Amino acid sequence: MDRFDAMQAFARVVETGSFTKAADTLRLSRATVTQLVQQLEARLRVRLLNRTTRKVNVTADGAAYYERVIRLLADMDDAETSLSAAAAQPRGHLRVDVPSPLARMILVPALPAFHARYPDIQLDMGVSDRIVDIIDENVDCVVRGGELSDQSLIARRVADLRLGVYAAPSYLALAGTPAHPRELEDTHHRIVGFLWSRTGRAFPYAMHRGDERIQVQGRHAFAVDDGNAYLAAGLAGLGVLWLPDYMAREHAARGELVPLFPDWQLDSMPLYLAYPPNRHVSAKLRVFIDWIVAVMAQHAPVQGPPPRTVVRATRRRR
């Protein structure tokens, strides 16, 4: 038995609550993961996990052992990356998940410089606007807009996205140009609905002008849960859009989108990079975080004091 492999397998089973999910994230067979954990229990002469046909729960001894194991695995990673060559040139496999428009318009075009500097990092980038379960899907970090719903994560604010309201000329030619945001709730106006993955439904946008503050829900005939499709729907004239500046800028410059309500403002949307509290910040993850911060500073810098890492409450294990 390779004790390192066995401890790693045990830790993944605890974190995912499943031998099958642990095997998937480790790219091993379920039988191999099961055997590694059984051999570890035999060596320690203690039961680490309670297994039923439906779920896996960690025992009291297993929970105590898990806390020691994750520290040991982190120390081993530190020992490897502390070597001068490894520290100077981070390497390894990194899995991240980012919003689709951010990937297409900002991050992917900037990646050649990242890979030129860190050629030994294999970066697997999931591109979606859904909520990713970082633990179950073995993702090292996610980048997400808006306030994070999972309070168990460690989060760092990496940007503040300025928002505006836009519509395509074809839409305005049919529906007219609204003079006040409240007009978007009239029967002849339509917005493009964005279905947030947290709730599966659209929500009202808060707007303010001086002391006047309103929330606009709008009416939609079409709604999507993907940022690229949302933008495409607006460009096609299907309704009014609320967009971050980076998504609207080039289209507005070409006349494909028209800004609305220039005397009204929307609160900026925070953009966070988040990772699990028990996930060791390896050298490869650290340089990726630094790269994200530097890239976003060019497009949507954080307003106010410099951001700091915020530690949330510890995730409750299954």
C-alpha atoms as a PDB file:
ATOM      1  CA  MET A   1       0.000   0.000   0.000  1.00  0.00           C
ATOM      2  CA  ASP A   2       1.237   3.474  -0.908  1.00  0.00           C
ATOM      3  CA  ARG A   3       0.414   5.443   2.244  1.00  0.00           C
ATOM      4  CA  PHE A   4       0.356   8.760   0.382  1.00  0.00           C
ATOM      5  CA  ASP A   5      -2.151   7.443  -2.179  1.00  0.00           C
ATOM      6  CA  ALA A   6      -4.244   5.912   0.595  1.00  0.00           C
ATOM      7  CA  MET A   7      -4.375   9.136   2.616  1.00  0.00           C
ATOM      8  CA  GLN A   8      -5.221  11.120  -0.502  1.00  0.00           C
ATOM      9  CA  ALA A   9      -8.018   8.691  -1.370  1.00  0.00           C
ATOM     10  CA  PHE A  10      -9.397   8.820   2.188  1.00  0.00           C
ATOM     11  CA  ALA A  11      -9.367  12.646   2.187  1.00  0.00           C
ATOM     12  CA  ARG A  12     -11.251  12.802  -1.113  1.00  0.00           C
ATOM     13  CA  VAL A  13     -13.910  10.355   0.133  1.00  0.00           C
ATOM     14  CA  VAL A  14     -14.452  12.530   3.219  1.00  0.00           C
ATOM     15  CA  GLU A  15     -14.656  15.704   1.129  1.00  0.00           C
ATOM     16  CA  THR A  16     -17.003  14.321  -1.529  1.00  0.00           C
ATOM     17  CA  GLY A  17     -19.009  11.978   0.714  1.00  0.00           C
ATOM     18  CA  SER A  18     -18.765   9.256  -1.913  1.00  0.00           C
ATOM     19  CA  PHE A  19     -16.307   6.601  -3.077  1.00  0.00           C
ATOM     20  CA  THR A  20     -17.543   7.042  -6.641  1.00  0.00           C
ATOM     21  CA  LYS A  21     -17.060  10.813  -6.663  1.00  0.00           C
ATOM     22  CA  ALA A  22     -13.681  10.492  -5.006  1.00  0.00           C
ATOM     23  CA  ALA A  23     -12.616   7.982  -7.664  1.00  0.00           C
ATOM     24  CA  ASP A  24     -13.773  10.302 -10.455  1.00  0.00           C
ATOM     25  CA  THR A  25     -11.840  13.286  -9.119  1.00  0.00           C
ATOM     26  CA  LEU A  26      -8.704  11.214  -8.533  1.00  0.00           C
ATOM     27  CA  ARG A  27      -9.065   9.517 -11.929  1.00  0.00           C
ATOM     28  CA  LEU A  28      -8.989   6.088 -10.330  1.00  0.00           C
ATOM     29  CA  SER A  29     -11.441   3.221 -10.308  1.00  0.00           C
ATOM     30  CA  ARG A  30     -13.949   2.984  -7.456  1.00  0.00           C
ATOM     31  CA  ALA A  31     -12.499  -0.414  -6.557  1.00  0.00           C
ATOM     32  CA  THR A  32      -9.012   1.071  -6.229  1.00  0.00           C
ATOM     33  CA  VAL A  33     -10.206   3.873  -3.937  1.00  0.00           C
ATOM     34  CA  THR A  34     -12.188   1.389  -1.826  1.00  0.00           C
ATOM     35  CA  GLN A  35      -9.160  -0.870  -1.521  1.00  0.00           C
ATOM     36  CA  LEU A  36      -6.851   1.993  -0.542  1.00  0.00           C
ATOM     37  CA  VAL A  37      -9.184   3.123   2.239  1.00  0.00           C
ATOM     38  CA  GLN A  38      -9.656  -0.436   3.480  1.00  0.00           C
ATOM     39  CA  GLN A  39      -5.889  -0.960   3.589  1.00  0.00           C
ATOM     40  CA  LEU A  40      -5.490   2.296   5.486  1.00  0.00           C
ATOM     41  CA  GLU A  41      -8.108   1.225   8.053  1.00  0.00           C
ATOM     42  CA  ALA A  42      -6.388  -2.159   8.401  1.00  0.00           C
ATOM     43  CA  ARG A  43      -3.036  -0.501   8.996  1.00  0.00           C
ATOM     44  CA  LEU A  44      -4.454   1.909  11.585  1.00  0.00           C
ATOM     45  CA  ARG A  45      -6.737  -0.779  13.105  1.00  0.00           C
ATOM     46  CA  VAL A  46      -9.601   1.690  13.319  1.00  0.00           C
ATOM     47  CA  ARG A  47     -12.748   2.343  11.301  1.00  0.00           C
ATOM     48  CA  LEU A  48     -12.469   5.697   9.532  1.00  0.00           C
ATOM     49  CA  LEU A  49     -15.731   5.649   7.577  1.00  0.00           C
ATOM     50  CA  ASN A  50     -19.237   4.323   8.097  1.00  0.00           C
ATOM     51  CA  ARG A  51     -20.612   2.976   4.814  1.00  0.00           C
ATOM     52  CA  THR A  52     -24.224   2.376   3.856  1.00  0.00           C
ATOM     53  CA  THR A  53     -25.785   1.673   0.476  1.00  0.00           C
ATOM     54  CA  ARG A  54     -26.746   5.339   0.146  1.00  0.00           C
ATOM     55  CA  LYS A  55     -23.978   7.400   1.739  1.00  0.00           C
ATOM     56  CA  VAL A  56     -20.620   7.496   3.464  1.00  0.00           C
ATOM     57  CA  ASN A  57     -20.077   9.235   6.822  1.00  0.00           C
ATOM     58  CA  VAL A  58     -16.811   9.862   8.598  1.00  0.00           C
ATOM     59  CA  THR A  59     -16.458   8.402  12.092  1.00  0.00           C
ATOM     60  CA  ALA A  60     -15.198  10.412  15.057  1.00  0.00           C
ATOM     61  CA  ASP A  61     -11.768   8.762  14.696  1.00  0.00           C
ATOM     62  CA  GLY A  62     -11.913   9.379  10.953  1.00  0.00           C
ATOM     63  CA  ALA A  63     -12.698  13.075  11.424  1.00  0.00           C
ATOM     64  CA  ALA A  64      -9.722  13.508  13.753  1.00  0.00           C
ATOM     65  CA  TYR A  65      -7.474  11.589  11.354  1.00  0.00           C
ATOM     66  CA  TYR A  66      -8.734  13.647   8.392  1.00  0.00           C
ATOM     67  CA  GLU A  67      -7.616  16.899  10.055  1.00  0.00           C
ATOM     68  CA  ARG A  68      -4.116  15.459  10.457  1.00  0.00           C
ATOM     69  CA  VAL A  69      -4.087  14.057   6.926  1.00  0.00           C
ATOM     70  CA  ILE A  70      -4.927  17.294   5.133  1.00  0.00           C
ATOM     71  CA  ARG A  71      -2.203  19.116   7.078  1.00  0.00           C
ATOM     72  CA  LEU A  72       0.276  16.383   6.189  1.00  0.00           C
ATOM     73  CA  LEU A  73      -0.667  16.460   2.506  1.00  0.00           C
ATOM     74  CA  ALA A  74      -0.289  20.240   2.514  1.00  0.00           C
ATOM     75  CA  ASP A  75       3.122  19.966   4.192  1.00  0.00           C
ATOM     76  CA  MET A  76       4.231  17.442   1.582  1.00  0.00           C
ATOM     77  CA  ASP A  77       3.168  19.775  -1.203  1.00  0.00           C
ATOM     78  CA  ASP A  78       5.024  22.622   0.506  1.00  0.00           C
ATOM     79  CA  ALA A  79       8.131  20.473   0.772  1.00  0.00           C
ATOM     80  CA  GLU A  80       8.092  19.806  -2.965  1.00  0.00           C
ATOM     81  CA  THR A  81       7.334  23.372  -4.043  1.00  0.00           C
ATOM     82  CA  SER A  82       9.868  24.841  -1.603  1.00  0.00           C
ATOM     83  CA  LEU A  83      12.709  23.401  -3.657  1.00  0.00           C
ATOM     84  CA  SER A  84      14.317  26.241  -5.570  1.00  0.00           C
ATOM     85  CA  ALA A  85      13.452  24.918  -9.022  1.00  0.00           C
ATOM     86  CA  ALA A  86       9.824  24.177  -8.134  1.00  0.00           C
ATOM     87  CA  ALA A  87       9.350  27.472  -6.321  1.00  0.00           C
ATOM     88  CA  ALA A  88      10.759  29.384  -9.268  1.00  0.00           C
ATOM     89  CA  GLN A  89       8.678  27.407 -11.755  1.00  0.00           C
ATOM     90  CA  PRO A  90       5.307  26.218 -10.357  1.00  0.00           C
ATOM     91  CA  ARG A  91       4.017  23.109 -12.043  1.00  0.00           C
ATOM     92  CA  GLY A  92       1.135  20.690 -11.990  1.00  0.00           C
ATOM     93  CA  HIS A  93      -2.533  20.363 -12.836  1.00  0.00           C
ATOM     94  CA  LEU A  94      -4.905  23.221 -11.940  1.00  0.00           C
ATOM     95  CA  ARG A  95      -8.696  23.066 -12.343  1.00  0.00           C
ATOM     96  CA  VAL A  96     -10.667  26.318 -12.297  1.00  0.00           C
ATOM     97  CA  ASP A  97     -14.161  27.427 -13.284  1.00  0.00           C
ATOM     98  CA  VAL A  98     -15.017  30.919 -14.560  1.00  0.00           C
ATOM     99  CA  PRO A  99     -18.038  32.725 -16.088  1.00  0.00           C
ATOM    100  CA  SER A 100     -18.366  32.220 -19.832  1.00  0.00           C
ATOM    101  CA  PRO A 101     -18.226  35.906 -20.963  1.00  0.00           C
ATOM    102  CA  LEU A 102     -15.254  36.594 -18.696  1.00  0.00           C
ATOM    103  CA  ALA A 103     -13.397  33.643 -20.189  1.00  0.00           C
ATOM    104  CA  ARG A 104     -14.179  34.591 -23.799  1.00  0.00           C
ATOM    105  CA  MET A 105     -13.546  38.328 -23.579  1.00  0.00           C
ATOM    106  CA  ILE A 106     -10.800  38.726 -20.965  1.00  0.00           C
ATOM    107  CA  LEU A 107      -9.160  35.608 -19.535  1.00  0.00           C
ATOM    108  CA  VAL A 108      -8.608  33.378 -22.582  1.00  0.00           C
ATOM    109  CA  PRO A 109      -7.111  36.214 -24.683  1.00  0.00           C
ATOM    110  CA  ALA A 110      -4.704  36.912 -21.798  1.00  0.00           C
ATOM    111  CA  LEU A 111      -3.679  33.253 -21.309  1.00  0.00           C
ATOM    112  CA  PRO A 112      -0.708  33.197 -23.733  1.00  0.00           C
ATOM    113  CA  ALA A 113       1.229  35.450 -21.362  1.00  0.00           C
ATOM    114  CA  PHE A 114       0.329  33.181 -18.401  1.00  0.00           C
ATOM    115  CA  HIS A 115       1.483  30.036 -20.212  1.00  0.00           C
ATOM    116  CA  ALA A 116       4.637  31.742 -21.425  1.00  0.00           C
ATOM    117  CA  ARG A 117       5.529  32.528 -17.817  1.00  0.00           C
ATOM    118  CA  TYR A 118       4.332  29.215 -16.312  1.00  0.00           C
ATOM    119  CA  PRO A 119       4.722  26.569 -19.054  1.00  0.00           C
ATOM    120  CA  ASP A 120       4.603  23.657 -16.579  1.00  0.00           C
ATOM    121  CA  ILE A 121       1.091  24.433 -15.290  1.00  0.00           C
ATOM    122  CA  GLN A 122      -1.645  22.420 -16.983  1.00  0.00           C
ATOM    123  CA  LEU A 123      -4.760  24.593 -16.707  1.00  0.00           C
ATOM    124  CA  ASP A 124      -8.199  23.017 -17.132  1.00  0.00           C
ATOM    125  CA  MET A 125     -10.757  25.838 -17.297  1.00  0.00           C
ATOM    126  CA  GLY A 126     -14.430  25.078 -16.890  1.00  0.00           C
ATOM    127  CA  VAL A 127     -16.459  27.816 -18.565  1.00  0.00           C
ATOM    128  CA  SER A 128     -20.005  28.223 -17.278  1.00  0.00           C
ATOM    129  CA  ASP A 129     -22.392  30.425 -15.334  1.00  0.00           C
ATOM    130  CA  ARG A 130     -23.646  27.600 -13.115  1.00  0.00           C
ATOM    131  CA  ILE A 131     -22.776  27.090  -9.457  1.00  0.00           C
ATOM    132  CA  VAL A 132     -19.930  24.601  -9.220  1.00  0.00           C
ATOM    133  CA  ASP A 133     -19.534  22.374  -6.177  1.00  0.00           C
ATOM    134  CA  ILE A 134     -15.822  22.924  -5.628  1.00  0.00           C
ATOM    135  CA  ILE A 135     -15.408  19.923  -3.327  1.00  0.00           C
ATOM    136  CA  ASP A 136     -17.460  17.357  -5.230  1.00  0.00           C
ATOM    137  CA  GLU A 137     -16.027  18.371  -8.609  1.00  0.00           C
ATOM    138  CA  ASN A 138     -12.445  18.708  -7.323  1.00  0.00           C
ATOM    139  CA  VAL A 139     -12.049  22.270  -8.591  1.00  0.00           C
ATOM    140  CA  ASP A 140      -9.163  24.285  -7.170  1.00  0.00           C
ATOM    141  CA  CYS A 141     -10.919  27.649  -7.431  1.00  0.00           C
ATOM    142  CA  VAL A 142     -13.828  29.462  -9.065  1.00  0.00           C
ATOM    143  CA  VAL A 143     -14.342  33.032 -10.241  1.00  0.00           C
ATOM    144  CA  ARG A 144     -17.890  34.321  -9.776  1.00  0.00           C
ATOM    145  CA  GLY A 145     -19.772  37.601  -9.998  1.00  0.00           C
ATOM    146  CA  GLY A 146     -22.118  38.798  -7.262  1.00  0.00           C
ATOM    147  CA  GLU A 147     -22.153  37.939  -3.589  1.00  0.00           C
ATOM    148  CA  LEU A 148     -21.202  34.321  -2.943  1.00  0.00           C
ATOM    149  CA  SER A 149     -23.979  32.103  -1.623  1.00  0.00           C
ATOM    150  CA  ASP A 150     -21.604  29.485  -0.155  1.00  0.00           C
ATOM    151  CA  GLN A 151     -20.321  31.051   3.049  1.00  0.00           C
ATOM    152  CA  SER A 152     -17.924  28.165   3.656  1.00  0.00           C
ATOM    153  CA  LEU A 153     -15.436  29.340   1.022  1.00  0.00           C
ATOM    154  CA  ILE A 154     -12.365  31.508   1.292  1.00  0.00           C
ATOM    155  CA  ALA A 155     -13.009  34.416  -1.065  1.00  0.00           C
ATOM    156  CA  ARG A 156     -10.986  37.287  -2.457  1.00  0.00           C
ATOM    157  CA  ARG A 157     -12.586  40.195  -4.293  1.00  0.00           C
ATOM    158  CA  VAL A 158     -10.614  40.605  -7.509  1.00  0.00           C
ATOM    159  CA  ALA A 159     -12.712  43.189  -9.395  1.00  0.00           C
ATOM    160  CA  ASP A 160     -15.726  45.486  -9.275  1.00  0.00           C
ATOM    161  CA  LEU A 161     -17.758  45.277 -12.478  1.00  0.00           C
ATOM    162  CA  ARG A 162     -19.472  48.513 -13.462  1.00  0.00           C
ATOM    163  CA  LEU A 163     -22.920  47.903 -14.936  1.00  0.00           C
ATOM    164  CA  GLY A 164     -25.010  49.730 -17.505  1.00  0.00           C
ATOM    165  CA  VAL A 165     -28.313  49.312 -19.350  1.00  0.00           C
ATOM    166  CA  TYR A 166     -28.254  48.722 -23.118  1.00  0.00           C
ATOM    167  CA  ALA A 167     -30.451  47.825 -26.061  1.00  0.00           C
ATOM    168  CA  ALA A 168     -29.876  47.071 -29.734  1.00  0.00           C
ATOM    169  CA  PRO A 169     -30.963  49.694 -32.302  1.00  0.00           C
ATOM    170  CA  SER A 170     -33.346  47.127 -33.825  1.00  0.00           C
ATOM    171  CA  TYR A 171     -35.139  46.765 -30.486  1.00  0.00           C
ATOM    172  CA  LEU A 172     -35.410  50.528 -29.961  1.00  0.00           C
ATOM    173  CA  ALA A 173     -36.767  50.994 -33.491  1.00  0.00           C
ATOM    174  CA  LEU A 174     -39.689  48.711 -32.630  1.00  0.00           C
ATOM    175  CA  ALA A 175     -40.340  49.526 -28.950  1.00  0.00           C
ATOM    176  CA  GLY A 176     -39.071  53.100 -28.717  1.00  0.00           C
ATOM    177  CA  THR A 177     -36.367  54.494 -26.457  1.00  0.00           C
ATOM    178  CA  PRO A 178     -37.459  54.530 -22.799  1.00  0.00           C
ATOM    179  CA  ALA A 179     -36.790  57.791 -20.954  1.00  0.00           C
ATOM    180  CA  HIS A 180     -37.166  56.335 -17.438  1.00  0.00           C
ATOM    181  CA  PRO A 181     -36.285  52.862 -16.117  1.00  0.00           C
ATOM    182  CA  ARG A 182     -39.871  52.359 -14.940  1.00  0.00           C
ATOM    183  CA  GLU A 183     -40.959  52.293 -18.585  1.00  0.00           C
ATOM    184  CA  LEU A 184     -39.276  48.885 -18.888  1.00  0.00           C
ATOM    185  CA  GLU A 185     -42.180  47.491 -16.881  1.00  0.00           C
ATOM    186  CA  ASP A 186     -44.720  48.720 -19.464  1.00  0.00           C
ATOM    187  CA  THR A 187     -46.406  46.113 -21.623  1.00  0.00           C
ATOM    188  CA  HIS A 188     -44.693  47.162 -24.863  1.00  0.00           C
ATOM    189  CA  HIS A 189     -41.153  46.835 -23.478  1.00  0.00           C
ATOM    190  CA  ARG A 190     -39.173  43.632 -22.939  1.00  0.00           C
ATOM    191  CA  ILE A 191     -35.929  42.793 -21.210  1.00  0.00           C
ATOM    192  CA  VAL A 192     -33.748  39.746 -21.772  1.00  0.00           C
ATOM    193  CA  GLY A 193     -34.052  37.699 -18.579  1.00  0.00           C
ATOM    194  CA  PHE A 194     -30.971  36.235 -16.939  1.00  0.00           C
ATOM    195  CA  LEU A 195     -31.698  33.139 -14.849  1.00  0.00           C
ATOM    196  CA  TRP A 196     -29.272  33.143 -11.931  1.00  0.00           C
ATOM    197  CA  SER A 197     -28.076  29.680 -11.029  1.00  0.00           C
ATOM    198  CA  ARG A 198     -28.603  30.309  -7.306  1.00  0.00           C
ATOM    199  CA  THR A 199     -32.360  30.668  -7.727  1.00  0.00           C
ATOM    200  CA  GLY A 200     -33.212  29.661 -11.297  1.00  0.00           C
ATOM    201  CA  ARG A 201     -35.036  32.940 -11.854  1.00  0.00           C
ATOM    202  CA  ALA A 202     -34.407  36.558 -12.794  1.00  0.00           C
ATOM    203  CA  PHE A 203     -34.294  39.224 -10.109  1.00  0.00           C
ATOM    204  CA  PRO A 204     -34.883  43.003 -10.118  1.00  0.00           C
ATOM    205  CA  TYR A 205     -32.018  45.402 -10.737  1.00  0.00           C
ATOM    206  CA  ALA A 206     -31.461  48.275  -8.304  1.00  0.00           C
ATOM    207  CA  MET A 207     -30.878  51.680  -9.906  1.00  0.00           C
ATOM    208  CA  HIS A 208     -30.430  55.110  -8.393  1.00  0.00           C
ATOM    209  CA  ARG A 209     -30.316  58.758  -9.448  1.00  0.00           C
ATOM    210  CA  GLY A 210     -29.540  61.214  -6.681  1.00  0.00           C
ATOM    211  CA  ASP A 211     -31.859  60.340  -3.796  1.00  0.00           C
ATOM    212  CA  GLU A 212     -34.190  58.316  -6.010  1.00  0.00           C
ATOM    213  CA  ARG A 213     -33.733  54.535  -5.784  1.00  0.00           C
ATOM    214  CA  ILE A 214     -35.836  52.013  -7.646  1.00  0.00           C
ATOM    215  CA  GLN A 215     -35.831  48.318  -8.496  1.00  0.00           C
ATOM    216  CA  VAL A 216     -36.717  47.308 -12.031  1.00  0.00           C
ATOM    217  CA  GLN A 217     -37.902  43.786 -12.760  1.00  0.00           C
ATOM    218  CA  GLY A 218     -39.059  44.210 -16.347  1.00  0.00           C
ATOM    219  CA  ARG A 219     -40.967  41.743 -18.484  1.00  0.00           C
ATOM    220  CA  HIS A 220     -39.265  39.132 -20.599  1.00  0.00           C
ATOM    221  CA  ALA A 221     -40.272  36.836 -23.417  1.00  0.00           C
ATOM    222  CA  PHE A 222     -36.886  35.116 -23.402  1.00  0.00           C
ATOM    223  CA  ALA A 223     -34.523  34.208 -20.566  1.00  0.00           C
ATOM    224  CA  VAL A 224     -31.194  32.344 -20.458  1.00  0.00           C
ATOM    225  CA  ASP A 225     -28.706  31.160 -17.834  1.00  0.00           C
ATOM    226  CA  ASP A 226     -25.522  31.817 -19.839  1.00  0.00           C
ATOM    227  CA  GLY A 227     -23.808  35.196 -20.203  1.00  0.00           C
ATOM    228  CA  ASN A 228     -22.754  34.737 -23.832  1.00  0.00           C
ATOM    229  CA  ALA A 229     -26.278  33.740 -24.866  1.00  0.00           C
ATOM    230  CA  TYR A 230     -27.669  36.663 -22.849  1.00  0.00           C
ATOM    231  CA  LEU A 231     -25.505  39.125 -24.787  1.00  0.00           C
ATOM    232  CA  ALA A 232     -26.370  37.468 -28.122  1.00  0.00           C
ATOM    233  CA  ALA A 233     -30.087  37.807 -27.341  1.00  0.00           C
ATOM    234  CA  GLY A 234     -29.697  41.521 -26.691  1.00  0.00           C
ATOM    235  CA  LEU A 235     -27.708  42.040 -29.886  1.00  0.00           C
ATOM    236  CA  ALA A 236     -30.500  40.237 -31.759  1.00  0.00           C
ATOM    237  CA  GLY A 237     -33.004  42.776 -30.476  1.00  0.00           C
ATOM    238  CA  LEU A 238     -34.866  40.485 -28.082  1.00  0.00           C
ATOM    239  CA  GLY A 239     -34.871  43.004 -25.226  1.00  0.00           C
ATOM    240  CA  VAL A 240     -33.021  45.369 -22.906  1.00  0.00           C
ATOM    241  CA  LEU A 241     -29.821  44.196 -21.203  1.00  0.00           C
ATOM    242  CA  TRP A 242     -27.997  44.944 -17.941  1.00  0.00           C
ATOM    243  CA  LEU A 243     -24.317  44.429 -18.762  1.00  0.00           C
ATOM    244  CA  PRO A 244     -20.875  44.857 -17.212  1.00  0.00           C
ATOM    245  CA  ASP A 245     -18.822  47.456 -19.075  1.00  0.00           C
ATOM    246  CA  TYR A 246     -16.363  44.881 -20.372  1.00  0.00           C
ATOM    247  CA  MET A 247     -19.184  43.010 -22.154  1.00  0.00           C
ATOM    248  CA  ALA A 248     -20.820  46.112 -23.657  1.00  0.00           C
ATOM    249  CA  ARG A 249     -17.856  48.351 -24.495  1.00  0.00           C
ATOM    250  CA  GLU A 250     -16.936  47.141 -27.988  1.00  0.00           C
ATOM    251  CA  HIS A 251     -20.536  46.611 -29.073  1.00  0.00           C
ATOM    252  CA  ALA A 252     -21.477  50.106 -27.945  1.00  0.00           C
ATOM    253  CA  ALA A 253     -18.467  51.566 -29.780  1.00  0.00           C
ATOM    254  CA  ARG A 254     -19.626  49.859 -33.002  1.00  0.00           C
ATOM    255  CA  GLY A 255     -23.200  51.052 -32.540  1.00  0.00           C
ATOM    256  CA  GLU A 256     -24.539  47.527 -31.987  1.00  0.00           C
ATOM    257  CA  LEU A 257     -25.769  48.492 -28.512  1.00  0.00           C
ATOM    258  CA  VAL A 258     -27.139  51.829 -27.326  1.00  0.00           C
ATOM    259  CA  PRO A 259     -26.622  52.871 -23.671  1.00  0.00           C
ATOM    260  CA  LEU A 260     -29.826  53.834 -21.861  1.00  0.00           C
ATOM    261  CA  PHE A 261     -30.517  56.054 -18.838  1.00  0.00           C
ATOM    262  CA  PRO A 262     -27.110  57.813 -18.716  1.00  0.00           C
ATOM    263  CA  ASP A 263     -28.162  59.808 -15.635  1.00  0.00           C
ATOM    264  CA  TRP A 264     -28.940  56.618 -13.665  1.00  0.00           C
ATOM    265  CA  GLN A 265     -26.391  54.426 -11.914  1.00  0.00           C
ATOM    266  CA  LEU A 266     -26.241  50.795 -10.841  1.00  0.00           C
ATOM    267  CA  ASP A 267     -24.174  49.432  -7.983  1.00  0.00           C
ATOM    268  CA  SER A 268     -21.018  47.675  -9.157  1.00  0.00           C
ATOM    269  CA  MET A 269     -21.024  43.883  -9.143  1.00  0.00           C
ATOM    270  CA  PRO A 270     -18.160  42.374  -7.103  1.00  0.00           C
ATOM    271  CA  LEU A 271     -16.142  39.623  -8.740  1.00  0.00           C
ATOM    272  CA  TYR A 272     -14.704  37.008  -6.375  1.00  0.00           C
ATOM    273  CA  LEU A 273     -12.140  34.255  -6.631  1.00  0.00           C
ATOM    274  CA  ALA A 274     -12.966  31.511  -4.132  1.00  0.00           C
ATOM    275  CA  TYR A 275     -11.535  28.190  -2.987  1.00  0.00           C
ATOM    276  CA  PRO A 276     -12.273  25.686  -0.177  1.00  0.00           C
ATOM    277  CA  PRO A 277     -11.023  26.444   3.345  1.00  0.00           C
ATOM    278  CA  ASN A 278      -9.253  23.083   3.576  1.00  0.00           C
ATOM    279  CA  ARG A 279      -7.587  23.370   0.163  1.00  0.00           C
ATOM    280  CA  HIS A 280      -3.881  24.100   0.403  1.00  0.00           C
ATOM    281  CA  VAL A 281      -2.888  27.177  -1.617  1.00  0.00           C
ATOM    282  CA  SER A 282      -0.170  25.597  -3.712  1.00  0.00           C
ATOM    283  CA  ALA A 283       2.393  27.540  -5.694  1.00  0.00           C
ATOM    284  CA  LYS A 284       0.459  26.948  -8.913  1.00  0.00           C
ATOM    285  CA  LEU A 285      -2.795  28.215  -7.384  1.00  0.00           C
ATOM    286  CA  ARG A 286      -1.033  31.196  -5.823  1.00  0.00           C
ATOM    287  CA  VAL A 287       0.408  32.372  -9.145  1.00  0.00           C
ATOM    288  CA  PHE A 288      -2.957  31.867 -10.851  1.00  0.00           C
ATOM    289  CA  ILE A 289      -4.652  34.034  -8.227  1.00  0.00           C
ATOM    290  CA  ASP A 290      -2.008  36.725  -8.679  1.00  0.00           C
ATOM    291  CA  TRP A 291      -2.492  36.555 -12.458  1.00  0.00           C
ATOM    292  CA  ILE A 292      -6.290  36.937 -12.170  1.00  0.00           C
ATOM    293  CA  VAL A 293      -5.845  39.964  -9.895  1.00  0.00           C
ATOM    294  CA  ALA A 294      -3.407  41.592 -12.344  1.00  0.00           C
ATOM    295  CA  VAL A 295      -5.576  40.910 -15.401  1.00  0.00           C
ATOM    296  CA  MET A 296      -8.769  42.206 -13.791  1.00  0.00           C
ATOM    297  CA  ALA A 297      -6.983  45.331 -12.530  1.00  0.00           C
ATOM    298  CA  GLN A 298      -6.617  46.320 -16.187  1.00  0.00           C
ATOM    299  CA  HIS A 299     -10.332  45.932 -16.910  1.00  0.00           C
ATOM    300  CA  ALA A 300     -12.347  46.422 -13.716  1.00  0.00           C
ATOM    301  CA  PRO A 301     -10.162  47.353 -10.732  1.00  0.00           C
ATOM    302  CA  VAL A 302     -11.518  46.975  -7.221  1.00  0.00           C
ATOM    303  CA  GLN A 303     -12.914  50.262  -5.950  1.00  0.00           C
ATOM    304  CA  GLY A 304     -11.826  51.495  -2.526  1.00  0.00           C
ATOM    305  CA  PRO A 305      -9.237  49.819  -0.227  1.00  0.00           C
ATOM    306  CA  PRO A 306      -7.139  46.938  -1.593  1.00  0.00           C
ATOM    307  CA  PRO A 307      -8.971  43.597  -1.312  1.00  0.00           C
ATOM    308  CA  ARG A 308      -8.054  41.098   1.356  1.00  0.00           C
ATOM    309  CA  THR A 309      -8.741  37.418   1.642  1.00  0.00           C
ATOM    310  CA  VAL A 310     -11.867  36.701   3.675  1.00  0.00           C
ATOM    311  CA  VAL A 311     -12.132  33.446   5.608  1.00  0.00           C
ATOM    312  CA  ARG A 312     -15.665  32.151   5.837  1.00  0.00           C
ATOM    313  CA  ALA A 313     -17.108  29.652   8.290  1.00  0.00           C
ATOM    314  CA  THR A 314     -15.821  26.099   7.950  1.00  0.00           C
ATOM    315  CA  ARG A 315     -17.807  23.817   5.647  1.00  0.00           C
ATOM    316  CA  ARG A 316     -19.831  21.198   7.490  1.00  0.00           C
ATOM    317  CA  ARG A 317     -18.629  17.757   6.424  1.00  0.00           C
ATOM    318  CA  ARG A 318     -20.952  14.942   5.540  1.00  0.00           C
END
